[in-house]
C-alpha atoms as a PDB file:
ATOM      1  CA  MET A   1     -38.406 -84.425  19.944  1.00  0.00           C
ATOM      2  CA  SER A   2     -38.414 -85.485  23.594  1.00  0.00           C
ATOM      3  CA  THR A   3     -37.743 -83.384  26.645  1.00  0.00           C
ATOM      4  CA  VAL A   4     -36.449 -84.418  30.053  1.00  0.00           C
ATOM      5  CA  PRO A   5     -39.119 -83.517  32.653  1.00  0.00           C
ATOM      6  CA  ALA A   6     -37.978 -80.555  34.724  1.00  0.00           C
ATOM      7  CA  GLU A   7     -38.887 -82.285  37.973  1.00  0.00           C
ATOM      8  CA  VAL A   8     -36.217 -84.960  37.528  1.00  0.00           C
ATOM      9  CA  LEU A   9     -33.448 -82.431  37.151  1.00  0.00           C
ATOM     10  CA  PRO A  10     -31.377 -81.322  40.182  1.00  0.00           C
ATOM     11  CA  THR A  11     -31.708 -77.769  41.390  1.00  0.00           C
ATOM     12  CA  GLY A  12     -29.743 -75.470  39.111  1.00  0.00           C
ATOM     13  CA  ALA A  13     -29.662 -77.971  36.244  1.00  0.00           C
ATOM     14  CA  LEU A  14     -30.522 -77.060  32.687  1.00  0.00           C
ATOM     15  CA  PRO A  15     -33.116 -79.102  30.775  1.00  0.00           C
ATOM     16  CA  PHE A  16     -32.104 -80.259  27.330  1.00  0.00           C
ATOM     17  CA  ARG A  17     -33.638 -81.866  24.285  1.00  0.00           C
ATOM     18  CA  SER A  18     -32.556 -84.920  22.388  1.00  0.00           C
ATOM     19  CA  GLN A  19     -32.585 -85.144  18.617  1.00  0.00           C
ATOM     20  CA  GLU A  20     -33.733 -88.184  16.720  1.00  0.00           C
ATOM     21  CA  ALA A  21     -30.930 -89.807  14.750  1.00  0.00           C
ATOM     22  CA  GLY A  22     -31.210 -91.913  11.651  1.00  0.00           C
ATOM     23  CA  ASP A  23     -30.426 -95.182  13.491  1.00  0.00           C
ATOM     24  CA  GLY A  24     -33.125 -94.588  16.099  1.00  0.00           C
ATOM     25  CA  ALA A  25     -30.702 -93.385  18.788  1.00  0.00           C
ATOM     26  CA  ALA A  26     -31.329 -90.165  20.691  1.00  0.00           C
ATOM     27  CA  PRO A  27     -27.977 -88.447  21.245  1.00  0.00           C
ATOM     28  CA  LEU A  28     -27.669 -85.563  23.660  1.00  0.00           C
ATOM     29  CA  ALA A  29     -27.919 -82.029  22.384  1.00  0.00           C
ATOM     30  CA  PRO A  30     -24.735 -79.994  22.008  1.00  0.00           C
ATOM     31  CA  ARG A  31     -23.205 -78.847  25.280  1.00  0.00           C
ATOM     32  CA  ALA A  32     -24.621 -75.569  26.540  1.00  0.00           C
ATOM     33  CA  ARG A  33     -22.476 -72.476  26.293  1.00  0.00           C
ATOM     34  CA  LEU A  34     -20.565 -71.484  29.405  1.00  0.00           C
ATOM     35  CA  LEU A  35     -22.095 -68.092  30.189  1.00  0.00           C
ATOM     36  CA  PRO A  36     -25.797 -69.009  29.798  1.00  0.00           C
ATOM     37  CA  ALA A  37     -25.262 -72.238  31.746  1.00  0.00           C
ATOM     38  CA  MET A  38     -23.358 -70.422  34.482  1.00  0.00           C
ATOM     39  CA  ALA A  39     -26.095 -67.778  34.714  1.00  0.00           C
ATOM     40  CA  ALA A  40     -28.755 -70.471  35.125  1.00  0.00           C
ATOM     41  CA  VAL A  41     -26.791 -72.246  37.865  1.00  0.00           C
ATOM     42  CA  TYR A  42     -26.106 -68.893  39.554  1.00  0.00           C
ATOM     43  CA  ARG A  43     -29.793 -67.939  39.654  1.00  0.00           C
ATOM     44  CA  ALA A  44     -30.848 -71.345  40.937  1.00  0.00           C
ATOM     45  CA  GLN A  45     -28.193 -71.432  43.662  1.00  0.00           C
ATOM     46  CA  LEU A  46     -28.894 -67.853  44.727  1.00  0.00           C
ATOM     47  CA  SER A  47     -32.586 -68.688  45.018  1.00  0.00           C
ATOM     48  CA  ARG A  48     -31.791 -71.691  47.220  1.00  0.00           C
ATOM     49  CA  ALA A  49     -29.378 -69.628  49.316  1.00  0.00           C
ATOM     50  CA  ARG A  50     -32.020 -67.011  50.051  1.00  0.00           C
ATOM     51  CA  VAL A  51     -34.219 -69.663  51.616  1.00  0.00           C
ATOM     52  CA  ALA A  52     -31.717 -71.968  53.294  1.00  0.00           C
ATOM     53  CA  ARG A  53     -28.763 -69.712  54.127  1.00  0.00           C
ATOM     54  CA  ILE A  54     -30.297 -66.520  55.515  1.00  0.00           C
ATOM     55  CA  PRO A  55     -30.137 -67.764  59.155  1.00  0.00           C
ATOM     56  CA  LEU A  56     -26.481 -68.691  58.641  1.00  0.00           C
ATOM     57  CA  LEU A  57     -25.752 -65.252  57.198  1.00  0.00           C
ATOM     58  CA  PHE A  58     -27.152 -63.713  60.370  1.00  0.00           C
ATOM     59  CA  VAL A  59     -24.873 -66.002  62.370  1.00  0.00           C
ATOM     60  CA  ALA A  60     -21.833 -64.992  60.294  1.00  0.00           C
ATOM     61  CA  THR A  61     -22.599 -61.280  60.642  1.00  0.00           C
ATOM     62  CA  PHE A  62     -23.375 -61.504  64.356  1.00  0.00           C
ATOM     63  CA  GLN A  63     -20.168 -63.500  64.886  1.00  0.00           C
ATOM     64  CA  SER A  64     -18.015 -60.881  63.159  1.00  0.00           C
ATOM     65  CA  ILE A  65     -19.640 -57.984  65.016  1.00  0.00           C
ATOM     66  CA  GLY A  66     -19.217 -59.868  68.294  1.00  0.00           C
ATOM     67  CA  ILE A  67     -15.517 -60.343  67.591  1.00  0.00           C
ATOM     68  CA  MET A  68     -15.100 -56.613  66.971  1.00  0.00           C
ATOM     69  CA  VAL A  69     -16.888 -55.772  70.212  1.00  0.00           C
ATOM     70  CA  LEU A  70     -14.534 -58.094  72.098  1.00  0.00           C
ATOM     71  CA  MET A  71     -11.462 -56.677  70.372  1.00  0.00           C
ATOM     72  CA  ARG A  72     -12.609 -53.136  71.185  1.00  0.00           C
ATOM     73  CA  GLY A  73     -11.571 -53.811  74.758  1.00  0.00           C
ATOM     74  CA  VAL A  74      -7.937 -54.439  73.819  1.00  0.00           C
ATOM     75  CA  VAL A  75      -7.516 -52.347  70.655  1.00  0.00           C
ATOM     76  CA  ASP A  76      -7.822 -48.571  70.834  1.00  0.00           C
ATOM     77  CA  GLY A  77      -7.272 -47.512  67.242  1.00  0.00           C
ATOM     78  CA  GLY A  78      -4.661 -47.036  64.567  1.00  0.00           C
ATOM     79  CA  SER A  79      -3.460 -49.881  62.351  1.00  0.00           C
ATOM     80  CA  GLU A  80      -4.718 -52.527  64.771  1.00  0.00           C
ATOM     81  CA  ALA A  81      -8.283 -51.194  64.637  1.00  0.00           C
ATOM     82  CA  ARG A  82      -8.141 -51.113  60.843  1.00  0.00           C
ATOM     83  CA  ALA A  83      -6.932 -54.708  60.784  1.00  0.00           C
ATOM     84  CA  VAL A  84      -9.681 -55.890  63.143  1.00  0.00           C
ATOM     85  CA  VAL A  85     -12.491 -54.246  61.157  1.00  0.00           C
ATOM     86  CA  ALA A  86     -11.150 -55.399  57.788  1.00  0.00           C
ATOM     87  CA  GLY A  87     -10.506 -58.931  59.024  1.00  0.00           C
ATOM     88  CA  SER A  88     -13.949 -59.226  60.607  1.00  0.00           C
ATOM     89  CA  THR A  89     -15.596 -57.989  57.419  1.00  0.00           C
ATOM     90  CA  VAL A  90     -13.811 -60.513  55.185  1.00  0.00           C
ATOM     91  CA  LEU A  91     -14.556 -63.212  57.772  1.00  0.00           C
ATOM     92  CA  VAL A  92     -18.222 -63.037  56.711  1.00  0.00           C
ATOM     93  CA  VAL A  93     -17.090 -63.942  53.188  1.00  0.00           C
ATOM     94  CA  ALA A  94     -14.976 -66.812  54.527  1.00  0.00           C
ATOM     95  CA  PHE A  95     -17.856 -68.196  56.581  1.00  0.00           C
ATOM     96  CA  VAL A  96     -20.206 -68.394  53.587  1.00  0.00           C
ATOM     97  CA  ALA A  97     -18.000 -68.717  50.513  1.00  0.00           C
ATOM     98  CA  LEU A  98     -15.426 -71.085  52.010  1.00  0.00           C
ATOM     99  CA  ASN A  99     -17.065 -72.949  54.860  1.00  0.00           C
ATOM    100  CA  LEU A 100     -20.607 -73.382  53.527  1.00  0.00           C
ATOM    101  CA  LEU A 101     -19.518 -74.033  49.945  1.00  0.00           C
ATOM    102  CA  ALA A 102     -17.130 -76.761  51.082  1.00  0.00           C
ATOM    103  CA  GLN A 103     -20.023 -78.369  52.947  1.00  0.00           C
ATOM    104  CA  TYR A 104     -22.344 -77.985  49.949  1.00  0.00           C
ATOM    105  CA  PHE A 105     -20.033 -79.669  47.448  1.00  0.00           C
ATOM    106  CA  GLY A 106     -19.115 -82.329  49.981  1.00  0.00           C
ATOM    107  CA  GLN A 107     -22.808 -83.099  50.441  1.00  0.00           C
ATOM    108  CA  LEU A 108     -23.438 -82.975  46.685  1.00  0.00           C
ATOM    109  CA  ARG A 109     -20.698 -85.485  46.065  1.00  0.00           C
ATOM    110  CA  ALA A 110     -21.808 -87.805  48.881  1.00  0.00           C
ATOM    111  CA  SER A 111     -25.470 -87.757  47.783  1.00  0.00           C
ATOM    112  CA  GLY A 112     -24.714 -88.470  44.131  1.00  0.00           C
ATOM    113  CA  GLY A 113     -25.739 -85.021  42.953  1.00  0.00           C
ATOM    114  CA  LEU A 114     -22.622 -84.767  40.825  1.00  0.00           C
ATOM    115  CA  ASP A 115     -23.823 -87.777  38.823  1.00  0.00           C
ATOM    116  CA  HIS A 116     -26.962 -85.860  37.848  1.00  0.00           C
ATOM    117  CA  TYR A 117     -24.967 -82.839  36.712  1.00  0.00           C
ATOM    118  CA  ALA A 118     -22.557 -85.066  34.790  1.00  0.00           C
ATOM    119  CA  THR A 119     -25.402 -86.394  32.598  1.00  0.00           C
ATOM    120  CA  LEU A 120     -26.411 -82.876  31.518  1.00  0.00           C
ATOM    121  CA  PRO A 121     -24.822 -80.901  28.664  1.00  0.00           C
ATOM    122  CA  VAL A 122     -23.537 -78.313  31.136  1.00  0.00           C
ATOM    123  CA  PRO A 123     -19.837 -77.371  31.211  1.00  0.00           C
ATOM    124  CA  PRO A 124     -18.182 -78.301  34.530  1.00  0.00           C
ATOM    125  CA  ALA A 125     -16.901 -74.754  34.882  1.00  0.00           C
ATOM    126  CA  ALA A 126     -20.490 -73.461  34.761  1.00  0.00           C
ATOM    127  CA  VAL A 127     -21.494 -75.547  37.790  1.00  0.00           C
ATOM    128  CA  VAL A 128     -18.472 -74.474  39.835  1.00  0.00           C
ATOM    129  CA  LEU A 129     -18.518 -70.799  38.814  1.00  0.00           C
ATOM    130  CA  GLY A 130     -22.291 -70.488  39.147  1.00  0.00           C
ATOM    131  CA  ALA A 131     -22.354 -71.975  42.652  1.00  0.00           C
ATOM    132  CA  ALA A 132     -19.257 -70.038  43.750  1.00  0.00           C
ATOM    133  CA  GLY A 133     -20.671 -66.776  42.427  1.00  0.00           C
ATOM    134  CA  ALA A 134     -23.991 -67.317  44.201  1.00  0.00           C
ATOM    135  CA  TYR A 135     -22.388 -68.032  47.553  1.00  0.00           C
ATOM    136  CA  ALA A 136     -20.000 -65.082  47.207  1.00  0.00           C
ATOM    137  CA  SER A 137     -22.863 -62.735  46.254  1.00  0.00           C
ATOM    138  CA  PHE A 138     -24.843 -63.900  49.246  1.00  0.00           C
ATOM    139  CA  THR A 139     -22.203 -62.401  51.566  1.00  0.00           C
ATOM    140  CA  VAL A 140     -22.731 -58.803  50.375  1.00  0.00           C
ATOM    141  CA  PRO A 141     -25.333 -57.702  52.986  1.00  0.00           C
ATOM    142  CA  GLY A 142     -23.323 -59.172  55.868  1.00  0.00           C
ATOM    143  CA  THR A 143     -20.047 -57.582  54.781  1.00  0.00           C
ATOM    144  CA  VAL A 144     -21.639 -54.145  54.397  1.00  0.00           C
ATOM    145  CA  VAL A 145     -23.305 -54.320  57.821  1.00  0.00           C
ATOM    146  CA  THR A 146     -20.091 -55.551  59.455  1.00  0.00           C
ATOM    147  CA  ALA A 147     -17.912 -52.908  57.799  1.00  0.00           C
ATOM    148  CA  VAL A 148     -20.248 -50.054  58.768  1.00  0.00           C
ATOM    149  CA  ALA A 149     -20.685 -51.326  62.337  1.00  0.00           C
ATOM    150  CA  GLY A 150     -16.933 -51.776  62.769  1.00  0.00           C
ATOM    151  CA  SER A 151     -16.150 -48.347  61.358  1.00  0.00           C
ATOM    152  CA  LEU A 152     -18.582 -46.718  63.782  1.00  0.00           C
ATOM    153  CA  LEU A 153     -17.297 -48.808  66.690  1.00  0.00           C
ATOM    154  CA  PHE A 154     -13.640 -47.888  66.142  1.00  0.00           C
ATOM    155  CA  GLY A 155     -14.182 -44.399  64.746  1.00  0.00           C
ATOM    156  CA  LEU A 156     -12.910 -45.215  61.245  1.00  0.00           C
ATOM    157  CA  PRO A 157     -13.936 -43.226  58.149  1.00  0.00           C
ATOM    158  CA  LEU A 158     -16.842 -44.515  56.064  1.00  0.00           C
ATOM    159  CA  GLY A 159     -15.998 -42.674  52.863  1.00  0.00           C
ATOM    160  CA  GLN A 160     -13.985 -45.432  51.222  1.00  0.00           C
ATOM    161  CA  LEU A 161     -16.270 -48.379  51.890  1.00  0.00           C
ATOM    162  CA  TRP A 162     -17.128 -48.438  48.186  1.00  0.00           C
ATOM    163  CA  ILE A 163     -13.996 -50.572  47.911  1.00  0.00           C
ATOM    164  CA  LEU A 164     -16.146 -53.440  49.174  1.00  0.00           C
ATOM    165  CA  GLY A 165     -17.470 -53.596  45.603  1.00  0.00           C
ATOM    166  CA  ALA A 166     -14.044 -54.959  44.617  1.00  0.00           C
ATOM    167  CA  VAL A 167     -13.021 -56.729  47.827  1.00  0.00           C
ATOM    168  CA  VAL A 168     -16.134 -58.900  48.148  1.00  0.00           C
ATOM    169  CA  PRO A 169     -16.141 -60.420  44.631  1.00  0.00           C
ATOM    170  CA  LEU A 170     -12.364 -60.914  44.494  1.00  0.00           C
ATOM    171  CA  ALA A 171     -11.988 -62.335  48.005  1.00  0.00           C
ATOM    172  CA  GLY A 172     -15.228 -64.244  47.466  1.00  0.00           C
ATOM    173  CA  ALA A 173     -13.896 -65.833  44.276  1.00  0.00           C
ATOM    174  CA  ALA A 174     -10.658 -66.882  45.962  1.00  0.00           C
ATOM    175  CA  LEU A 175     -12.380 -68.311  49.040  1.00  0.00           C
ATOM    176  CA  ALA A 176     -15.260 -69.879  47.097  1.00  0.00           C
ATOM    177  CA  GLY A 177     -12.823 -71.619  44.774  1.00  0.00           C
ATOM    178  CA  LEU A 178     -10.913 -72.928  47.766  1.00  0.00           C
ATOM    179  CA  GLY A 179     -14.105 -74.050  49.481  1.00  0.00           C
ATOM    180  CA  ALA A 180     -15.390 -75.819  46.363  1.00  0.00           C
ATOM    181  CA  ALA A 181     -12.054 -77.566  45.870  1.00  0.00           C
ATOM    182  CA  LEU A 182     -11.994 -78.750  49.489  1.00  0.00           C
ATOM    183  CA  GLY A 183     -15.540 -80.089  49.239  1.00  0.00           C
ATOM    184  CA  LEU A 184     -14.887 -81.881  45.947  1.00  0.00           C
ATOM    185  CA  LEU A 185     -11.509 -83.358  46.870  1.00  0.00           C
ATOM    186  CA  ALA A 186     -12.480 -84.553  50.345  1.00  0.00           C
ATOM    187  CA  PRO A 187     -13.104 -88.326  50.240  1.00  0.00           C
ATOM    188  CA  ARG A 188     -15.971 -88.065  52.750  1.00  0.00           C
ATOM    189  CA  GLN A 189     -18.645 -85.490  53.504  1.00  0.00           C
ATOM    190  CA  GLU A 190     -17.564 -85.245  57.150  1.00  0.00           C
ATOM    191  CA  LEU A 191     -14.019 -84.417  56.083  1.00  0.00           C
ATOM    192  CA  ALA A 192     -15.295 -81.704  53.733  1.00  0.00           C
ATOM    193  CA  THR A 193     -17.172 -80.142  56.653  1.00  0.00           C
ATOM    194  CA  LEU A 194     -14.065 -80.334  58.831  1.00  0.00           C
ATOM    195  CA  LEU A 195     -11.859 -78.735  56.174  1.00  0.00           C
ATOM    196  CA  GLY A 196     -14.382 -75.939  55.666  1.00  0.00           C
ATOM    197  CA  GLN A 197     -14.432 -75.245  59.405  1.00  0.00           C
ATOM    198  CA  LEU A 198     -10.637 -75.255  59.572  1.00  0.00           C
ATOM    199  CA  GLY A 199     -10.427 -72.850  56.640  1.00  0.00           C
ATOM    200  CA  MET A 200     -12.838 -70.449  58.307  1.00  0.00           C
ATOM    201  CA  SER A 201     -10.907 -70.716  61.576  1.00  0.00           C
ATOM    202  CA  ALA A 202      -7.706 -69.846  59.725  1.00  0.00           C
ATOM    203  CA  ALA A 203      -9.421 -66.796  58.223  1.00  0.00           C
ATOM    204  CA  LEU A 204     -10.531 -65.811  61.726  1.00  0.00           C
ATOM    205  CA  LEU A 205      -7.188 -66.197  63.472  1.00  0.00           C
ATOM    206  CA  LEU A 206      -4.943 -64.948  60.667  1.00  0.00           C
ATOM    207  CA  GLY A 207      -7.236 -62.258  59.306  1.00  0.00           C
ATOM    208  CA  VAL A 208      -8.745 -60.603  62.360  1.00  0.00           C
ATOM    209  CA  LEU A 209      -5.673 -60.522  64.607  1.00  0.00           C
ATOM    210  CA  PRO A 210      -3.297 -57.647  63.728  1.00  0.00           C
ATOM    211  CA  ALA A 211      -0.346 -58.926  61.687  1.00  0.00           C
ATOM    212  CA  GLU A 212       2.248 -57.202  63.897  1.00  0.00           C
ATOM    213  CA  ARG A 213       1.110 -59.242  66.882  1.00  0.00           C
ATOM    214  CA  LEU A 214       1.578 -62.601  65.148  1.00  0.00           C
ATOM    215  CA  PRO A 215       4.798 -64.647  65.437  1.00  0.00           C
ATOM    216  CA  GLU A 216       6.858 -64.625  62.252  1.00  0.00           C
ATOM    217  CA  PRO A 217       6.165 -68.265  61.204  1.00  0.00           C
ATOM    218  CA  ILE A 218       2.419 -67.674  61.585  1.00  0.00           C
ATOM    219  CA  GLY A 219       2.848 -64.490  59.570  1.00  0.00           C
ATOM    220  CA  TRP A 220       4.176 -66.606  56.703  1.00  0.00           C
ATOM    221  CA  ALA A 221       1.069 -68.762  56.877  1.00  0.00           C
ATOM    222  CA  ARG A 222      -1.019 -65.593  56.825  1.00  0.00           C
ATOM    223  CA  ASP A 223       0.580 -64.582  53.531  1.00  0.00           C
ATOM    224  CA  LEU A 224      -0.572 -67.878  51.996  1.00  0.00           C
ATOM    225  CA  LEU A 225      -4.214 -67.369  52.961  1.00  0.00           C
ATOM    226  CA  PRO A 226      -6.217 -65.978  49.987  1.00  0.00           C
ATOM    227  CA  SER A 227      -8.392 -63.722  52.135  1.00  0.00           C
ATOM    228  CA  THR A 228      -5.338 -61.936  53.566  1.00  0.00           C
ATOM    229  CA  TYR A 229      -4.997 -59.737  50.505  1.00  0.00           C
ATOM    230  CA  GLY A 230      -8.634 -58.714  50.630  1.00  0.00           C
ATOM    231  CA  VAL A 231      -8.169 -57.839  54.302  1.00  0.00           C
ATOM    232  CA  GLU A 232      -5.058 -55.770  53.546  1.00  0.00           C
ATOM    233  CA  ALA A 233      -6.758 -53.929  50.683  1.00  0.00           C
ATOM    234  CA  LEU A 234      -9.753 -53.005  52.840  1.00  0.00           C
ATOM    235  CA  ALA A 235      -7.593 -52.037  55.833  1.00  0.00           C
ATOM    236  CA  ARG A 236      -5.500 -49.636  53.730  1.00  0.00           C
ATOM    237  CA  THR A 237      -8.606 -47.697  52.675  1.00  0.00           C
ATOM    238  CA  PHE A 238      -9.300 -46.771  56.300  1.00  0.00           C
ATOM    239  CA  GLU A 239      -6.113 -44.676  56.371  1.00  0.00           C
ATOM    240  CA  SER A 240      -6.371 -40.918  56.022  1.00  0.00           C
ATOM    241  CA  ARG A 241      -4.374 -41.102  52.775  1.00  0.00           C
ATOM    242  CA  PRO A 242      -4.764 -44.593  51.308  1.00  0.00           C
ATOM    243  CA  ASP A 243      -1.942 -46.036  49.248  1.00  0.00           C
ATOM    244  CA  TRP A 244      -4.030 -46.877  46.198  1.00  0.00           C
ATOM    245  CA  ALA A 245      -1.134 -48.566  44.425  1.00  0.00           C
ATOM    246  CA  ALA A 246      -0.800 -51.011  47.325  1.00  0.00           C
ATOM    247  CA  VAL A 247      -4.590 -51.471  47.405  1.00  0.00           C
ATOM    248  CA  GLY A 248      -4.566 -52.282  43.691  1.00  0.00           C
ATOM    249  CA  PHE A 249      -1.717 -54.748  44.140  1.00  0.00           C
ATOM    250  CA  ASP A 250      -3.510 -56.562  46.958  1.00  0.00           C
ATOM    251  CA  LEU A 251      -6.693 -56.772  44.897  1.00  0.00           C
ATOM    252  CA  ALA A 252      -4.743 -58.036  41.875  1.00  0.00           C
ATOM    253  CA  VAL A 253      -3.154 -60.785  43.963  1.00  0.00           C
ATOM    254  CA  CYS A 254      -6.549 -61.680  45.396  1.00  0.00           C
ATOM    255  CA  GLY A 255      -8.015 -61.858  41.890  1.00  0.00           C
ATOM    256  CA  ALA A 256      -5.138 -64.012  40.599  1.00  0.00           C
ATOM    257  CA  VAL A 257      -5.577 -66.423  43.503  1.00  0.00           C
ATOM    258  CA  GLY A 258      -9.290 -66.521  42.719  1.00  0.00           C
ATOM    259  CA  VAL A 259      -8.631 -67.549  39.107  1.00  0.00           C
ATOM    260  CA  VAL A 260      -6.261 -70.303  40.228  1.00  0.00           C
ATOM    261  CA  SER A 261      -8.550 -71.598  42.988  1.00  0.00           C
ATOM    262  CA  LEU A 262     -11.597 -71.685  40.697  1.00  0.00           C
ATOM    263  CA  ALA A 263      -9.552 -73.509  38.051  1.00  0.00           C
ATOM    264  CA  VAL A 264      -8.519 -76.083  40.667  1.00  0.00           C
ATOM    265  CA  ALA A 265     -12.150 -76.414  41.773  1.00  0.00           C
ATOM    266  CA  THR A 266     -13.236 -77.020  38.160  1.00  0.00           C
ATOM    267  CA  TRP A 267     -10.579 -79.711  37.796  1.00  0.00           C
ATOM    268  CA  ALA A 268     -11.709 -81.253  41.088  1.00  0.00           C
ATOM    269  CA  TYR A 269     -15.306 -81.249  39.831  1.00  0.00           C
ATOM    270  CA  ARG A 270     -14.328 -83.121  36.665  1.00  0.00           C
ATOM    271  CA  ARG A 271     -12.317 -85.570  38.735  1.00  0.00           C
ATOM    272  CA  ALA A 272     -15.149 -86.219  41.166  1.00  0.00           C
ATOM    273  CA  ALA A 273     -17.843 -86.434  38.475  1.00  0.00           C
ATOM    274  CA  VAL A 274     -16.150 -89.267  36.551  1.00  0.00           C
ATOM    275  CA  ARG A 275     -15.761 -91.469  39.618  1.00  0.00           C
END
């Protein structure tokens, strides 16, 4: 029995053992199961994020709070205030889960990191889902701080902020899947960074600005943005009597988009890994 030294494995990779065959060959062990492999990648990526991404999380949170302070001068309250707070909160998710994940996978592809993962008995979906889940989870502190600060700034109720427990993972899955797909499909690392920045800018302009103030063609583009439905779900909970059926519908759409985007990201990973 021989074991691959742990130090030669990329961060988040799973060590494996080879089994001696009768002809002297050493075939790879059976492919690891999805859930244990995904959990290992998730823990490794979350550990890396705590060290390398904390300053960027502060930037994302400070940016969203700064936007709300600026908008406070032109928005008094009502539906526009709800839209600004909800959009700024989900913007933290877009900054990390979309922008940074696109850059990460773009860098991983450019540096040959995908080649290391491809040699391991780890399902492609485990790499994508584990990394996406870690980056989405990393946004939780920033979204909570932004939502509470915005609610206090605009005088919105705090009682329904528990909905963030559904908004963050569902919007995070949709945006992380999109970010991973952009990073894996971009032919160059610089283009992956550019696409991640453009995606975050779209989440800023189309999510934070009140929908009623947008021209109709831009409103159509807003409906295509995955984070829009997370923004709408959160904004509805700030009403005195939330329409929970509409909130559930928005969250269901957000979740469905997340499944599709993560599936596309997994396909993009397979495509990039074999090249």
